[in-house]
Amino acid sequence: MGSGESQRDESTGPTALAQEGPCPVPPEQRPLREYEQLLASWFFAWPAGPSARLPRILATAWLIALPLCLLVASGSVSLRRDVPRLVAAAAVAALLPPLLLLLRQWLGWTYVRGRLQAHTVEYEESGWYDGMVWEKPVAWRQQDLLVARHQVGPVLARIVRGIAVTASLLLAGTALCQAL
């Protein structure tokens, strides 16, 4: 068995190719490992899955928030007498949880993209805030850039589209509430 075959046998994931060799960075702090952890997490995997999954989850979050927003909006005396404005105000307010979910998604994926695109890796050896910096080898940088562009980039684009649609609905709903 040649050395190429043994490398293929040992590879268990996308990081196997570029994560070989001596590296002082703890495995859980390596950018590709952080990317894999994001993909494996329940919350951050939403935009990375099938394209219909994220809108369905956001619509579910909106529907869950809607009754609570209706209850809060019904506390207003002026809205209680005007049912269309009450429903519109509650529907607009219920857009805030999906927007906050998208913003949290965006923050997590942007952080990982930044780590993947960086030429160096900042890490802590002992967890006692002893920050160290290690320069990535060229092979690591190339693979990290490919993952950042072709894996993380489309996920971030999907999140940004979701933020834009939600913010547009929020603004249009606010204008509708003012018009009513």
N, C-alpha and C. Protein backbone atom coordinates (compact mmCIF):
# COMPACT_ATOMS: atom_id res chain seq x y z
N MET A 1 0.85 -1.17 0.00
CA MET A 1 0.00 0.00 0.00
C MET A 1 0.89 1.23 0.00
N GLY A 2 0.66 2.14 -0.95
CA GLY A 2 1.47 3.35 -1.06
C GLY A 2 1.04 4.39 -0.05
N SER A 3 1.84 5.46 0.02
CA SER A 3 1.51 6.52 0.98
C SER A 3 0.22 7.23 0.62
N GLY A 4 -0.11 7.31 -0.67
CA GLY A 4 -1.35 7.94 -1.09
C GLY A 4 -2.56 7.15 -0.62
N GLU A 5 -2.44 5.78 -0.63
CA GLU A 5 -3.56 4.97 -0.19
C GLU A 5 -3.76 5.10 1.31
N SER A 6 -2.67 5.18 2.08
CA SER A 6 -2.83 5.29 3.54
C SER A 6 -3.45 6.62 3.90
N GLN A 7 -3.15 7.68 3.13
CA GLN A 7 -3.77 8.96 3.41
C GLN A 7 -5.27 8.90 3.13
N ARG A 8 -5.65 8.20 2.06
CA ARG A 8 -7.07 8.09 1.75
C ARG A 8 -7.79 7.27 2.82
N ASP A 9 -7.14 6.22 3.34
CA ASP A 9 -7.77 5.40 4.37
C ASP A 9 -7.98 6.17 5.66
N GLU A 10 -7.04 7.07 5.98
CA GLU A 10 -7.11 7.80 7.23
C GLU A 10 -8.05 8.99 7.14
N SER A 11 -8.37 9.45 5.95
CA SER A 11 -9.21 10.65 5.83
C SER A 11 -10.64 10.32 6.22
N THR A 12 -11.15 11.13 7.12
CA THR A 12 -12.51 10.89 7.61
C THR A 12 -13.41 12.07 7.35
N GLY A 13 -12.90 13.15 6.86
CA GLY A 13 -13.74 14.31 6.63
C GLY A 13 -13.04 15.30 5.74
N PRO A 14 -13.65 16.46 5.54
CA PRO A 14 -13.07 17.45 4.65
C PRO A 14 -11.76 18.02 5.15
N THR A 15 -11.46 17.90 6.45
CA THR A 15 -10.23 18.48 6.96
C THR A 15 -9.04 17.53 6.84
N ALA A 16 -9.26 16.29 6.44
CA ALA A 16 -8.18 15.31 6.44
C ALA A 16 -7.04 15.71 5.50
N LEU A 17 -7.35 16.29 4.35
CA LEU A 17 -6.32 16.62 3.38
C LEU A 17 -5.39 17.71 3.89
N ALA A 18 -5.94 18.80 4.36
CA ALA A 18 -5.12 19.94 4.72
C ALA A 18 -4.69 19.95 6.17
N GLN A 19 -5.21 19.11 7.02
CA GLN A 19 -4.92 19.18 8.43
C GLN A 19 -3.83 18.20 8.86
N GLU A 20 -3.03 17.73 7.92
CA GLU A 20 -1.94 16.83 8.25
C GLU A 20 -0.70 17.65 8.59
N GLY A 21 0.20 17.08 9.34
CA GLY A 21 1.46 17.74 9.67
C GLY A 21 1.42 18.41 11.02
N PRO A 22 2.59 18.90 11.47
CA PRO A 22 2.66 19.52 12.79
C PRO A 22 1.93 20.86 12.82
N CYS A 23 1.13 21.02 13.84
CA CYS A 23 0.36 22.25 13.98
C CYS A 23 0.15 22.49 15.46
N PRO A 24 0.54 23.66 15.97
CA PRO A 24 0.36 23.92 17.40
C PRO A 24 -1.07 24.27 17.79
N VAL A 25 -1.93 24.53 16.79
CA VAL A 25 -3.31 24.93 17.08
C VAL A 25 -4.10 23.70 17.53
N PRO A 26 -4.77 23.78 18.69
CA PRO A 26 -5.61 22.65 19.11
C PRO A 26 -6.65 22.32 18.04
N PRO A 27 -6.93 21.05 17.82
CA PRO A 27 -7.84 20.66 16.73
C PRO A 27 -9.19 21.37 16.75
N GLU A 28 -9.77 21.59 17.93
CA GLU A 28 -11.09 22.22 17.99
C GLU A 28 -11.06 23.70 17.66
N GLN A 29 -9.86 24.31 17.57
CA GLN A 29 -9.75 25.73 17.25
C GLN A 29 -9.30 25.98 15.81
N ARG A 30 -9.15 24.92 15.04
CA ARG A 30 -8.75 25.07 13.64
C ARG A 30 -9.97 25.52 12.82
N PRO A 31 -9.76 26.44 11.88
CA PRO A 31 -10.89 26.98 11.13
C PRO A 31 -11.75 25.94 10.42
N LEU A 32 -11.15 24.94 9.80
CA LEU A 32 -11.96 23.93 9.13
C LEU A 32 -12.77 23.11 10.13
N ARG A 33 -12.22 22.86 11.29
CA ARG A 33 -12.96 22.13 12.33
C ARG A 33 -14.12 22.98 12.84
N GLU A 34 -13.88 24.29 12.97
CA GLU A 34 -14.97 25.18 13.39
C GLU A 34 -16.09 25.19 12.34
N TYR A 35 -15.71 25.15 11.07
CA TYR A 35 -16.70 25.07 10.00
C TYR A 35 -17.50 23.77 10.12
N GLU A 36 -16.83 22.66 10.35
CA GLU A 36 -17.52 21.38 10.51
C GLU A 36 -18.45 21.39 11.71
N GLN A 37 -18.00 22.03 12.81
CA GLN A 37 -18.85 22.12 14.00
C GLN A 37 -20.09 22.96 13.72
N LEU A 38 -19.93 24.02 12.93
CA LEU A 38 -21.09 24.83 12.57
C LEU A 38 -22.08 24.02 11.74
N LEU A 39 -21.56 23.24 10.79
CA LEU A 39 -22.43 22.40 9.97
C LEU A 39 -23.14 21.33 10.81
N ALA A 40 -22.46 20.84 11.84
CA ALA A 40 -23.03 19.78 12.67
C ALA A 40 -24.01 20.32 13.71
N SER A 41 -23.95 21.62 13.99
CA SER A 41 -24.84 22.17 15.01
C SER A 41 -26.27 22.24 14.49
N TRP A 42 -27.21 22.10 15.39
CA TRP A 42 -28.62 22.12 15.02
C TRP A 42 -29.03 23.49 14.48
N PHE A 43 -28.63 24.54 15.16
CA PHE A 43 -29.06 25.89 14.80
C PHE A 43 -28.38 26.41 13.54
N PHE A 44 -27.07 26.26 13.45
CA PHE A 44 -26.33 26.85 12.33
C PHE A 44 -26.42 26.04 11.05
N ALA A 45 -26.96 24.84 11.10
CA ALA A 45 -27.10 24.04 9.89
C ALA A 45 -28.32 24.44 9.07
N TRP A 46 -29.22 25.25 9.63
CA TRP A 46 -30.44 25.64 8.91
C TRP A 46 -30.15 26.23 7.54
N PRO A 47 -29.31 27.26 7.41
CA PRO A 47 -29.11 27.83 6.07
C PRO A 47 -28.21 26.99 5.18
N ALA A 48 -27.51 26.02 5.75
CA ALA A 48 -26.62 25.21 4.94
C ALA A 48 -27.34 24.03 4.32
N GLY A 49 -28.55 23.75 4.77
CA GLY A 49 -29.32 22.62 4.26
C GLY A 49 -30.00 22.96 2.95
N PRO A 50 -31.03 22.18 2.62
CA PRO A 50 -31.79 22.46 1.39
C PRO A 50 -32.36 23.88 1.41
N SER A 51 -32.50 24.47 0.24
CA SER A 51 -32.88 25.88 0.16
C SER A 51 -34.26 26.17 0.72
N ALA A 52 -35.15 25.20 0.75
CA ALA A 52 -36.50 25.44 1.28
C ALA A 52 -36.54 25.33 2.80
N ARG A 53 -35.49 24.82 3.40
CA ARG A 53 -35.49 24.59 4.85
C ARG A 53 -35.49 25.89 5.66
N LEU A 54 -34.63 26.82 5.30
CA LEU A 54 -34.52 28.07 6.06
C LEU A 54 -35.82 28.88 6.03
N PRO A 55 -36.45 29.11 4.87
CA PRO A 55 -37.71 29.86 4.90
C PRO A 55 -38.80 29.15 5.72
N ARG A 56 -38.82 27.83 5.68
CA ARG A 56 -39.81 27.08 6.45
C ARG A 56 -39.58 27.28 7.95
N ILE A 57 -38.35 27.25 8.39
CA ILE A 57 -38.03 27.45 9.81
C ILE A 57 -38.35 28.88 10.23
N LEU A 58 -38.02 29.85 9.37
CA LEU A 58 -38.32 31.25 9.70
C LEU A 58 -39.83 31.49 9.75
N ALA A 59 -40.58 30.87 8.84
CA ALA A 59 -42.03 31.00 8.86
C ALA A 59 -42.61 30.38 10.14
N THR A 60 -42.03 29.26 10.56
CA THR A 60 -42.46 28.63 11.80
C THR A 60 -42.19 29.54 12.99
N ALA A 61 -41.02 30.16 13.02
CA ALA A 61 -40.69 31.10 14.11
C ALA A 61 -41.67 32.28 14.10
N TRP A 62 -42.03 32.76 12.91
CA TRP A 62 -42.99 33.86 12.81
C TRP A 62 -44.36 33.43 13.34
N LEU A 63 -44.78 32.21 12.95
CA LEU A 63 -46.08 31.72 13.40
C LEU A 63 -46.12 31.48 14.91
N ILE A 64 -45.01 31.07 15.47
CA ILE A 64 -44.94 30.87 16.93
C ILE A 64 -44.99 32.21 17.65
N ALA A 65 -44.35 33.24 17.09
CA ALA A 65 -44.32 34.56 17.73
C ALA A 65 -45.63 35.32 17.54
N LEU A 66 -46.38 35.00 16.50
CA LEU A 66 -47.60 35.75 16.18
C LEU A 66 -48.63 35.77 17.31
N PRO A 67 -49.00 34.64 17.92
CA PRO A 67 -49.99 34.71 19.01
C PRO A 67 -49.51 35.57 20.20
N LEU A 68 -48.25 35.47 20.53
CA LEU A 68 -47.73 36.29 21.62
C LEU A 68 -47.80 37.77 21.26
N CYS A 69 -47.45 38.09 20.03
CA CYS A 69 -47.52 39.49 19.59
C CYS A 69 -48.96 39.98 19.54
N LEU A 70 -49.89 39.12 19.15
CA LEU A 70 -51.31 39.49 19.17
C LEU A 70 -51.77 39.79 20.60
N LEU A 71 -51.31 38.98 21.51
CA LEU A 71 -51.67 39.18 22.92
C LEU A 71 -51.12 40.51 23.44
N VAL A 72 -49.86 40.80 23.12
CA VAL A 72 -49.25 42.05 23.57
C VAL A 72 -49.93 43.24 22.90
N ALA A 73 -50.17 43.14 21.60
CA ALA A 73 -50.79 44.25 20.87
C ALA A 73 -52.22 44.49 21.33
N SER A 74 -52.90 43.46 21.79
CA SER A 74 -54.28 43.64 22.25
C SER A 74 -54.34 44.41 23.56
N GLY A 75 -53.21 44.62 24.19
CA GLY A 75 -53.17 45.44 25.41
C GLY A 75 -53.34 46.91 25.12
N SER A 76 -53.17 47.32 23.88
CA SER A 76 -53.35 48.72 23.49
C SER A 76 -54.83 49.01 23.29
N VAL A 77 -55.31 50.02 23.96
CA VAL A 77 -56.73 50.35 23.87
C VAL A 77 -57.10 50.78 22.44
N SER A 78 -56.25 51.58 21.82
CA SER A 78 -56.58 52.05 20.47
C SER A 78 -56.55 50.91 19.45
N LEU A 79 -55.63 49.96 19.61
CA LEU A 79 -55.58 48.83 18.68
C LEU A 79 -56.70 47.84 18.93
N ARG A 80 -57.16 47.73 20.15
CA ARG A 80 -58.21 46.78 20.48
C ARG A 80 -59.50 47.12 19.73
N ARG A 81 -59.71 48.38 19.46
CA ARG A 81 -60.92 48.81 18.75
C ARG A 81 -60.76 48.73 17.23
N ASP A 82 -59.52 48.59 16.77
CA ASP A 82 -59.24 48.57 15.33
C ASP A 82 -58.55 47.24 14.99
N VAL A 83 -59.34 46.21 14.69
CA VAL A 83 -58.82 44.86 14.50
C VAL A 83 -57.82 44.76 13.34
N PRO A 84 -58.04 45.38 12.17
CA PRO A 84 -57.03 45.28 11.10
C PRO A 84 -55.66 45.83 11.53
N ARG A 85 -55.64 46.96 12.22
CA ARG A 85 -54.37 47.51 12.71
C ARG A 85 -53.76 46.61 13.77
N LEU A 86 -54.58 46.01 14.60
CA LEU A 86 -54.10 45.09 15.63
C LEU A 86 -53.38 43.90 15.00
N VAL A 87 -54.01 43.30 14.01
CA VAL A 87 -53.42 42.14 13.33
C VAL A 87 -52.15 42.55 12.57
N ALA A 88 -52.21 43.70 11.89
CA ALA A 88 -51.03 44.16 11.15
C ALA A 88 -49.86 44.45 12.09
N ALA A 89 -50.14 45.11 13.21
CA ALA A 89 -49.07 45.43 14.17
C ALA A 89 -48.48 44.15 14.75
N ALA A 90 -49.32 43.18 15.07
CA ALA A 90 -48.82 41.91 15.61
C ALA A 90 -48.01 41.15 14.57
N ALA A 91 -48.47 41.16 13.32
CA ALA A 91 -47.74 40.47 12.25
C ALA A 91 -46.37 41.09 12.02
N VAL A 92 -46.31 42.42 12.10
CA VAL A 92 -45.02 43.10 11.92
C VAL A 92 -44.10 42.81 13.10
N ALA A 93 -44.64 42.88 14.30
CA ALA A 93 -43.82 42.61 15.49
C ALA A 93 -43.33 41.16 15.51
N ALA A 94 -44.11 40.24 14.98
CA ALA A 94 -43.71 38.84 14.95
C ALA A 94 -42.57 38.58 13.97
N LEU A 95 -42.23 39.56 13.13
CA LEU A 95 -41.08 39.42 12.23
C LEU A 95 -39.75 39.60 12.97
N LEU A 96 -39.77 40.16 14.15
CA LEU A 96 -38.53 40.39 14.88
C LEU A 96 -37.81 39.10 15.29
N PRO A 97 -38.47 38.08 15.83
CA PRO A 97 -37.73 36.85 16.14
C PRO A 97 -37.04 36.21 14.93
N PRO A 98 -37.71 36.06 13.76
CA PRO A 98 -36.98 35.53 12.61
C PRO A 98 -35.79 36.41 12.21
N LEU A 99 -35.95 37.73 12.32
CA LEU A 99 -34.85 38.63 11.99
C LEU A 99 -33.69 38.44 12.96
N LEU A 100 -33.97 38.29 14.22
CA LEU A 100 -32.91 38.05 15.21
C LEU A 100 -32.24 36.70 14.99
N LEU A 101 -33.00 35.69 14.63
CA LEU A 101 -32.41 34.38 14.31
C LEU A 101 -31.46 34.50 13.12
N LEU A 102 -31.87 35.23 12.10
CA LEU A 102 -31.02 35.42 10.92
C LEU A 102 -29.75 36.19 11.27
N LEU A 103 -29.89 37.21 12.11
CA LEU A 103 -28.70 37.98 12.50
C LEU A 103 -27.72 37.11 13.27
N ARG A 104 -28.22 36.23 14.14
CA ARG A 104 -27.32 35.34 14.88
C ARG A 104 -26.64 34.36 13.93
N GLN A 105 -27.39 33.86 12.95
CA GLN A 105 -26.82 32.98 11.94
C GLN A 105 -25.71 33.71 11.18
N TRP A 106 -26.00 34.93 10.79
CA TRP A 106 -25.04 35.72 10.02
C TRP A 106 -23.76 35.94 10.83
N LEU A 107 -23.89 36.25 12.10
CA LEU A 107 -22.71 36.47 12.95
C LEU A 107 -21.84 35.21 13.03
N GLY A 108 -22.45 34.06 13.24
CA GLY A 108 -21.70 32.81 13.34
C GLY A 108 -20.99 32.44 12.06
N TRP A 109 -21.70 32.52 10.94
CA TRP A 109 -21.10 32.16 9.65
C TRP A 109 -20.05 33.17 9.21
N THR A 110 -20.25 34.45 9.53
CA THR A 110 -19.26 35.46 9.18
C THR A 110 -17.97 35.25 9.98
N TYR A 111 -18.11 34.88 11.24
CA TYR A 111 -16.93 34.60 12.07
C TYR A 111 -16.11 33.46 11.47
N VAL A 112 -16.78 32.38 11.09
CA VAL A 112 -16.06 31.23 10.52
C VAL A 112 -15.45 31.59 9.17
N ARG A 113 -16.17 32.36 8.36
CA ARG A 113 -15.59 32.78 7.07
C ARG A 113 -14.33 33.61 7.29
N GLY A 114 -14.36 34.51 8.26
CA GLY A 114 -13.18 35.31 8.57
C GLY A 114 -12.00 34.45 9.01
N ARG A 115 -12.27 33.44 9.82
CA ARG A 115 -11.19 32.54 10.26
C ARG A 115 -10.64 31.73 9.08
N LEU A 116 -11.54 31.33 8.18
CA LEU A 116 -11.08 30.57 7.01
C LEU A 116 -10.27 31.44 6.06
N GLN A 117 -10.62 32.70 5.90
CA GLN A 117 -9.93 33.57 4.96
C GLN A 117 -8.65 34.16 5.51
N ALA A 118 -8.44 34.09 6.80
CA ALA A 118 -7.25 34.69 7.41
C ALA A 118 -5.99 33.90 7.05
N HIS A 119 -4.88 34.60 6.99
CA HIS A 119 -3.59 33.95 6.71
C HIS A 119 -3.00 33.34 7.98
N THR A 120 -3.50 33.77 9.12
CA THR A 120 -3.02 33.25 10.40
C THR A 120 -4.19 32.70 11.20
N VAL A 121 -3.87 31.88 12.19
CA VAL A 121 -4.88 31.32 13.08
C VAL A 121 -4.56 31.81 14.48
N GLU A 122 -5.51 32.50 15.08
CA GLU A 122 -5.35 32.90 16.48
C GLU A 122 -5.96 31.79 17.33
N TYR A 123 -5.23 31.40 18.37
CA TYR A 123 -5.69 30.30 19.20
C TYR A 123 -5.19 30.46 20.62
N GLU A 124 -5.75 29.65 21.52
CA GLU A 124 -5.32 29.62 22.91
C GLU A 124 -4.92 28.19 23.25
N GLU A 125 -3.75 28.04 23.83
CA GLU A 125 -3.27 26.69 24.15
C GLU A 125 -3.91 26.13 25.40
N SER A 126 -4.07 26.97 26.42
CA SER A 126 -4.53 26.43 27.70
C SER A 126 -5.89 26.96 28.13
N GLY A 127 -6.44 27.90 27.41
CA GLY A 127 -7.71 28.47 27.81
C GLY A 127 -7.57 29.58 28.84
N TRP A 128 -6.36 29.97 29.12
CA TRP A 128 -6.10 31.04 30.10
C TRP A 128 -5.76 32.33 29.40
N TYR A 129 -6.38 32.60 28.27
CA TYR A 129 -6.20 33.84 27.53
C TYR A 129 -4.74 34.08 27.16
N ASP A 130 -4.06 33.01 26.79
CA ASP A 130 -2.67 33.12 26.35
C ASP A 130 -2.64 33.10 24.83
N GLY A 131 -3.30 34.07 24.21
CA GLY A 131 -3.47 34.11 22.77
C GLY A 131 -2.17 33.95 22.00
N MET A 132 -2.20 33.05 21.06
CA MET A 132 -1.07 32.78 20.19
C MET A 132 -1.53 32.96 18.74
N VAL A 133 -0.57 33.19 17.85
CA VAL A 133 -0.88 33.33 16.42
C VAL A 133 0.02 32.37 15.66
N TRP A 134 -0.56 31.63 14.74
CA TRP A 134 0.18 30.68 13.93
C TRP A 134 -0.16 30.93 12.47
N GLU A 135 0.87 31.03 11.64
CA GLU A 135 0.64 31.26 10.21
C GLU A 135 0.32 29.95 9.52
N LYS A 136 -0.76 29.97 8.73
CA LYS A 136 -1.18 28.76 8.03
C LYS A 136 -0.20 28.43 6.90
N PRO A 137 0.07 27.16 6.70
CA PRO A 137 0.84 26.78 5.51
C PRO A 137 0.02 27.07 4.25
N VAL A 138 0.69 27.14 3.11
CA VAL A 138 0.02 27.49 1.86
C VAL A 138 -1.10 26.51 1.53
N ALA A 139 -0.88 25.22 1.73
CA ALA A 139 -1.92 24.22 1.43
C ALA A 139 -3.17 24.45 2.29
N TRP A 140 -2.96 24.79 3.55
CA TRP A 140 -4.09 25.07 4.44
C TRP A 140 -4.85 26.30 3.95
N ARG A 141 -4.09 27.35 3.60
CA ARG A 141 -4.73 28.59 3.14
C ARG A 141 -5.56 28.34 1.89
N GLN A 142 -5.00 27.55 0.97
CA GLN A 142 -5.73 27.28 -0.27
C GLN A 142 -7.03 26.53 0.01
N GLN A 143 -6.95 25.50 0.84
CA GLN A 143 -8.16 24.74 1.13
C GLN A 143 -9.16 25.58 1.92
N ASP A 144 -8.68 26.36 2.87
CA ASP A 144 -9.56 27.22 3.66
C ASP A 144 -10.26 28.25 2.77
N LEU A 145 -9.52 28.82 1.82
CA LEU A 145 -10.13 29.80 0.90
C LEU A 145 -11.19 29.15 0.02
N LEU A 146 -10.92 27.93 -0.44
CA LEU A 146 -11.91 27.22 -1.24
C LEU A 146 -13.19 26.96 -0.44
N VAL A 147 -13.02 26.52 0.79
CA VAL A 147 -14.19 26.27 1.64
C VAL A 147 -14.93 27.58 1.91
N ALA A 148 -14.18 28.65 2.17
CA ALA A 148 -14.82 29.94 2.44
C ALA A 148 -15.62 30.43 1.24
N ARG A 149 -15.06 30.28 0.05
CA ARG A 149 -15.74 30.77 -1.15
C ARG A 149 -16.89 29.89 -1.59
N HIS A 150 -16.67 28.57 -1.60
CA HIS A 150 -17.65 27.67 -2.22
C HIS A 150 -18.59 26.98 -1.25
N GLN A 151 -18.30 27.00 0.03
CA GLN A 151 -19.19 26.39 1.01
C GLN A 151 -19.85 27.44 1.89
N VAL A 152 -19.03 28.33 2.46
CA VAL A 152 -19.55 29.34 3.39
C VAL A 152 -20.19 30.50 2.62
N GLY A 153 -19.62 30.88 1.50
CA GLY A 153 -20.15 32.00 0.71
C GLY A 153 -21.62 31.84 0.34
N PRO A 154 -22.02 30.70 -0.24
CA PRO A 154 -23.44 30.52 -0.57
C PRO A 154 -24.36 30.53 0.66
N VAL A 155 -23.87 30.01 1.78
CA VAL A 155 -24.67 30.03 3.01
C VAL A 155 -24.89 31.47 3.46
N LEU A 156 -23.83 32.26 3.44
CA LEU A 156 -23.96 33.66 3.84
C LEU A 156 -24.86 34.42 2.87
N ALA A 157 -24.78 34.11 1.59
CA ALA A 157 -25.66 34.77 0.61
C ALA A 157 -27.12 34.44 0.90
N ARG A 158 -27.40 33.21 1.27
CA ARG A 158 -28.77 32.81 1.61
C ARG A 158 -29.25 33.55 2.86
N ILE A 159 -28.36 33.69 3.85
CA ILE A 159 -28.73 34.41 5.08
C ILE A 159 -28.97 35.88 4.78
N VAL A 160 -28.11 36.49 3.97
CA VAL A 160 -28.28 37.91 3.64
C VAL A 160 -29.58 38.13 2.87
N ARG A 161 -29.92 37.21 1.96
CA ARG A 161 -31.21 37.32 1.26
C ARG A 161 -32.37 37.23 2.25
N GLY A 162 -32.26 36.33 3.20
CA GLY A 162 -33.30 36.20 4.22
C GLY A 162 -33.43 37.46 5.07
N ILE A 163 -32.29 38.05 5.43
CA ILE A 163 -32.32 39.30 6.20
C ILE A 163 -32.97 40.41 5.37
N ALA A 164 -32.61 40.49 4.09
CA ALA A 164 -33.18 41.52 3.22
C ALA A 164 -34.69 41.36 3.07
N VAL A 165 -35.15 40.13 2.87
CA VAL A 165 -36.59 39.89 2.72
C VAL A 165 -37.31 40.21 4.02
N THR A 166 -36.76 39.76 5.15
CA THR A 166 -37.41 40.02 6.44
C THR A 166 -37.44 41.50 6.77
N ALA A 167 -36.33 42.19 6.51
CA ALA A 167 -36.29 43.64 6.77
C ALA A 167 -37.26 44.38 5.84
N SER A 168 -37.37 43.94 4.59
CA SER A 168 -38.32 44.56 3.66
C SER A 168 -39.76 44.34 4.13
N LEU A 169 -40.06 43.13 4.57
CA LEU A 169 -41.40 42.87 5.10
C LEU A 169 -41.67 43.70 6.34
N LEU A 170 -40.66 43.87 7.16
CA LEU A 170 -40.80 44.68 8.37
C LEU A 170 -41.10 46.13 8.02
N LEU A 171 -40.36 46.67 7.06
CA LEU A 171 -40.59 48.05 6.64
C LEU A 171 -41.95 48.22 5.95
N ALA A 172 -42.29 47.28 5.08
CA ALA A 172 -43.58 47.37 4.39
C ALA A 172 -44.74 47.22 5.39
N GLY A 173 -44.58 46.34 6.34
CA GLY A 173 -45.61 46.18 7.35
C GLY A 173 -45.75 47.41 8.23
N THR A 174 -44.63 48.01 8.56
CA THR A 174 -44.67 49.24 9.35
C THR A 174 -45.38 50.36 8.57
N ALA A 175 -45.09 50.45 7.29
CA ALA A 175 -45.77 51.46 6.45
C ALA A 175 -47.26 51.16 6.38
N LEU A 176 -47.61 49.88 6.28
CA LEU A 176 -49.02 49.50 6.25
C LEU A 176 -49.72 49.87 7.57
N CYS A 177 -49.04 49.64 8.67
CA CYS A 177 -49.63 50.01 9.97
C CYS A 177 -49.85 51.51 10.06
N GLN A 178 -48.94 52.29 9.51
CA GLN A 178 -49.09 53.74 9.54
C GLN A 178 -50.22 54.20 8.62
N ALA A 179 -50.38 53.48 7.51
CA ALA A 179 -51.41 53.85 6.54
C ALA A 179 -52.83 53.51 7.03
N LEU A 180 -52.91 52.49 7.86
CA LEU A 180 -54.25 52.07 8.33
C LEU A 180 -54.80 53.03 9.33
